[in-house]
Amino acid sequence: MTSAPTPTTVRRIRPEDAARMRALRLEMLADAPLAFLETVAEAAARPHADFAARVATVSRGDHTAQFVADPGGRLVGHAGGTVAPDEPGLTLVYAVYVTPARRGSGLLAALVDEVAAWSRACGRPELMMEVVVGNDRAFRAYQKLGFTDTGVRVRHPRIPALRELQMRRPA
């Protein structure tokens, strides 16, 4: 007999989430090292106070926001959004992650929907994200959420041999 999954709330991060978000961040970096812009070692070495300050900053305002999937206990998903410096109507979606045991559960869509709602509320009607070329699983997942490949390819910010493809959709 299997039990039903714990109900999960998707919401904007709060300052009191700092320790749980740090644990999720380390999981994210270990699970998908090419998808994020720091290494596990870099994140682990960062003082907790610095991490807590970052979480407090993204918990409010309309420049940058982070959203988490919270079943109570350990966080199981994350997605962030930030204003695009050169396109005032665009939100860049970043650091999207769902813990492996919860993939395929609808949390990815719920996280992206929260970023989209925040983006619209801030007056930015479009979302854009970058996916490492060859990460077909992520590419297909984002296509299912309405993102389309723009044809634009950019150099990976940390690994110059890799390319990222840009995907966009309405917020």
Protein backbone atom coordinates (compact mmCIF):
# COMPACT_ATOMS: atom_id res chain seq x y z
CA MET A 1 0.00 0.00 0.00
CA THR A 2 1.49 3.33 -1.04
CA SER A 3 0.66 6.56 0.64
CA ALA A 4 -0.44 9.65 -1.24
CA PRO A 5 2.28 12.26 -1.74
CA THR A 6 2.40 15.02 0.82
CA PRO A 7 0.51 18.11 -0.38
CA THR A 8 3.03 20.66 -1.54
CA THR A 9 2.69 24.43 -1.45
CA VAL A 10 4.46 26.45 -4.12
CA ARG A 11 5.16 29.94 -2.80
CA ARG A 12 7.64 32.77 -2.69
CA ILE A 13 10.62 32.08 -0.50
CA ARG A 14 10.70 33.60 2.99
CA PRO A 15 13.70 34.67 5.10
CA GLU A 16 13.05 31.80 7.53
CA ASP A 17 13.57 29.33 4.63
CA ALA A 18 17.31 30.08 4.43
CA ALA A 19 18.62 26.84 5.96
CA ARG A 20 16.21 24.64 3.98
CA MET A 21 16.98 26.56 0.79
CA ARG A 22 20.69 26.11 1.37
CA ALA A 23 20.15 22.34 1.66
CA LEU A 24 18.13 22.35 -1.57
CA ARG A 25 20.77 24.46 -3.32
CA LEU A 26 23.47 21.94 -2.44
CA GLU A 27 21.22 19.14 -3.74
CA MET A 28 20.60 21.07 -6.97
CA LEU A 29 24.31 21.59 -7.58
CA ALA A 30 25.16 17.94 -6.87
CA ASP A 31 22.34 16.65 -9.10
CA ALA A 32 22.80 18.99 -12.09
CA PRO A 33 26.26 20.60 -11.96
CA LEU A 34 26.07 22.10 -15.47
CA ALA A 35 22.69 23.75 -14.94
CA PHE A 36 23.69 26.26 -12.29
CA LEU A 37 26.34 28.94 -12.02
CA GLU A 38 28.35 27.68 -9.06
CA THR A 39 29.80 24.44 -7.80
CA VAL A 40 28.78 22.47 -4.73
CA ALA A 41 32.11 23.41 -3.14
CA GLU A 42 31.55 27.12 -3.76
CA ALA A 43 28.04 27.01 -2.31
CA ALA A 44 29.09 24.91 0.69
CA ALA A 45 31.92 27.33 1.47
CA ARG A 46 29.63 30.37 1.50
CA PRO A 47 28.82 31.46 5.08
CA HIS A 48 25.24 30.84 6.17
CA ALA A 49 24.83 34.56 6.92
CA ASP A 50 25.55 35.39 3.27
CA PHE A 51 23.07 32.77 2.14
CA ALA A 52 20.42 34.06 4.56
CA ALA A 53 20.93 37.62 3.31
CA ARG A 54 20.41 36.48 -0.29
CA VAL A 55 17.20 34.63 0.63
CA ALA A 56 15.90 37.71 2.47
CA THR A 57 16.59 39.88 -0.60
CA VAL A 58 14.73 37.63 -3.05
CA SER A 59 11.78 37.19 -0.70
CA ARG A 60 10.43 40.64 -1.56
CA GLY A 61 10.38 43.20 -4.33
CA ASP A 62 9.93 43.10 -8.08
CA HIS A 63 13.53 42.87 -9.32
CA THR A 64 14.34 39.28 -8.35
CA ALA A 65 12.22 36.57 -6.73
CA GLN A 66 12.59 32.92 -5.82
CA PHE A 67 9.82 30.38 -5.40
CA VAL A 68 9.95 27.04 -3.62
CA ALA A 69 7.95 23.82 -3.49
CA ASP A 70 7.35 23.17 0.20
CA PRO A 71 5.68 19.98 1.44
CA GLY A 72 6.76 20.83 5.01
CA GLY A 73 10.20 19.63 5.97
CA ARG A 74 12.73 19.49 3.16
CA LEU A 75 12.08 21.78 0.15
CA VAL A 76 11.58 19.80 -3.08
CA GLY A 77 11.70 22.42 -5.83
CA HIS A 78 12.85 25.91 -6.79
CA ALA A 79 12.52 28.47 -9.56
CA GLY A 80 13.73 32.04 -9.69
CA GLY A 81 13.00 35.03 -11.84
CA THR A 82 14.84 38.30 -12.39
CA VAL A 83 14.37 41.35 -14.55
CA ALA A 84 16.28 41.28 -17.85
CA PRO A 85 18.68 44.24 -17.88
CA ASP A 86 18.16 45.07 -21.57
CA GLU A 87 14.48 44.11 -21.97
CA PRO A 88 12.16 45.75 -19.47
CA GLY A 89 9.21 43.48 -20.41
CA LEU A 90 11.16 40.26 -19.87
CA THR A 91 11.78 38.09 -16.81
CA LEU A 92 14.73 35.70 -16.92
CA VAL A 93 13.81 32.37 -15.32
CA TYR A 94 16.74 30.79 -13.49
CA ALA A 95 17.75 27.96 -11.17
CA VAL A 96 14.75 25.77 -11.96
CA TYR A 97 14.90 22.46 -10.12
CA VAL A 98 12.64 19.67 -8.87
CA THR A 99 14.09 16.95 -6.67
CA PRO A 100 14.30 13.64 -8.63
CA ALA A 101 11.63 11.83 -6.58
CA ARG A 102 9.10 14.58 -7.38
CA ARG A 103 9.78 14.98 -11.11
CA GLY A 104 6.72 14.40 -13.24
CA SER A 105 4.41 15.44 -10.39
CA GLY A 106 3.41 18.83 -11.78
CA LEU A 107 5.75 20.80 -9.51
CA LEU A 108 7.79 22.11 -12.44
CA ALA A 109 4.68 23.69 -13.98
CA ALA A 110 3.57 25.06 -10.60
CA LEU A 111 6.97 26.67 -9.97
CA VAL A 112 7.14 28.24 -13.44
CA ASP A 113 3.53 29.41 -13.09
CA GLU A 114 4.46 31.24 -9.88
CA VAL A 115 7.39 32.96 -11.61
CA ALA A 116 5.04 33.87 -14.49
CA ALA A 117 2.38 35.32 -12.16
CA TRP A 118 5.01 37.39 -10.35
CA SER A 119 6.43 38.55 -13.71
CA ARG A 120 3.00 39.67 -14.94
CA ALA A 121 2.32 41.46 -11.64
CA CYS A 122 5.60 43.34 -12.14
CA GLY A 123 4.59 44.39 -15.67
CA ARG A 124 6.81 41.92 -17.52
CA PRO A 125 4.68 39.88 -19.96
CA GLU A 126 7.39 37.50 -21.23
CA LEU A 127 9.65 34.79 -19.77
CA MET A 128 13.01 33.59 -21.09
CA MET A 129 15.29 30.81 -19.90
CA GLU A 130 18.51 29.20 -21.09
CA VAL A 131 19.05 25.45 -21.29
CA VAL A 132 22.35 23.68 -21.95
CA VAL A 133 22.34 22.34 -25.51
CA GLY A 134 21.99 18.56 -25.22
CA ASN A 135 19.93 18.62 -22.03
CA ASP A 136 17.01 17.11 -23.91
CA ARG A 137 15.04 16.14 -20.79
CA ALA A 138 14.91 19.78 -19.61
CA PHE A 139 14.29 21.05 -23.15
CA ARG A 140 11.25 18.77 -23.57
CA ALA A 141 9.92 19.64 -20.11
CA TYR A 142 10.07 23.36 -20.86
CA GLN A 143 8.47 22.83 -24.28
CA LYS A 144 5.53 21.16 -22.51
CA LEU A 145 5.21 24.35 -20.44
CA GLY A 146 4.91 26.48 -23.57
CA PHE A 147 8.51 27.61 -24.02
CA THR A 148 9.80 27.67 -27.60
CA ASP A 149 13.36 27.58 -28.86
CA THR A 150 14.25 31.04 -30.18
CA GLY A 151 17.20 29.75 -32.22
CA VAL A 152 19.58 31.91 -30.17
CA ARG A 153 22.63 30.11 -28.80
CA VAL A 154 24.95 31.62 -26.23
CA ARG A 155 28.14 30.51 -24.54
CA HIS A 156 27.68 28.83 -21.16
CA PRO A 157 28.81 31.38 -18.55
CA ARG A 158 31.17 28.97 -16.76
CA ILE A 159 32.12 26.33 -19.31
CA PRO A 160 33.03 27.98 -22.63
CA ALA A 161 32.89 24.69 -24.56
CA LEU A 162 29.16 24.40 -23.82
CA ARG A 163 26.36 26.33 -25.48
CA GLU A 164 22.96 27.24 -24.09
CA LEU A 165 19.80 27.70 -26.09
CA GLN A 166 17.30 30.40 -25.28
CA MET A 167 13.62 29.57 -24.86
CA ARG A 168 10.75 32.05 -24.46
CA ARG A 169 7.05 32.08 -23.68
CA PRO A 170 4.41 34.54 -22.55
CA ALA A 171 4.23 35.05 -18.81
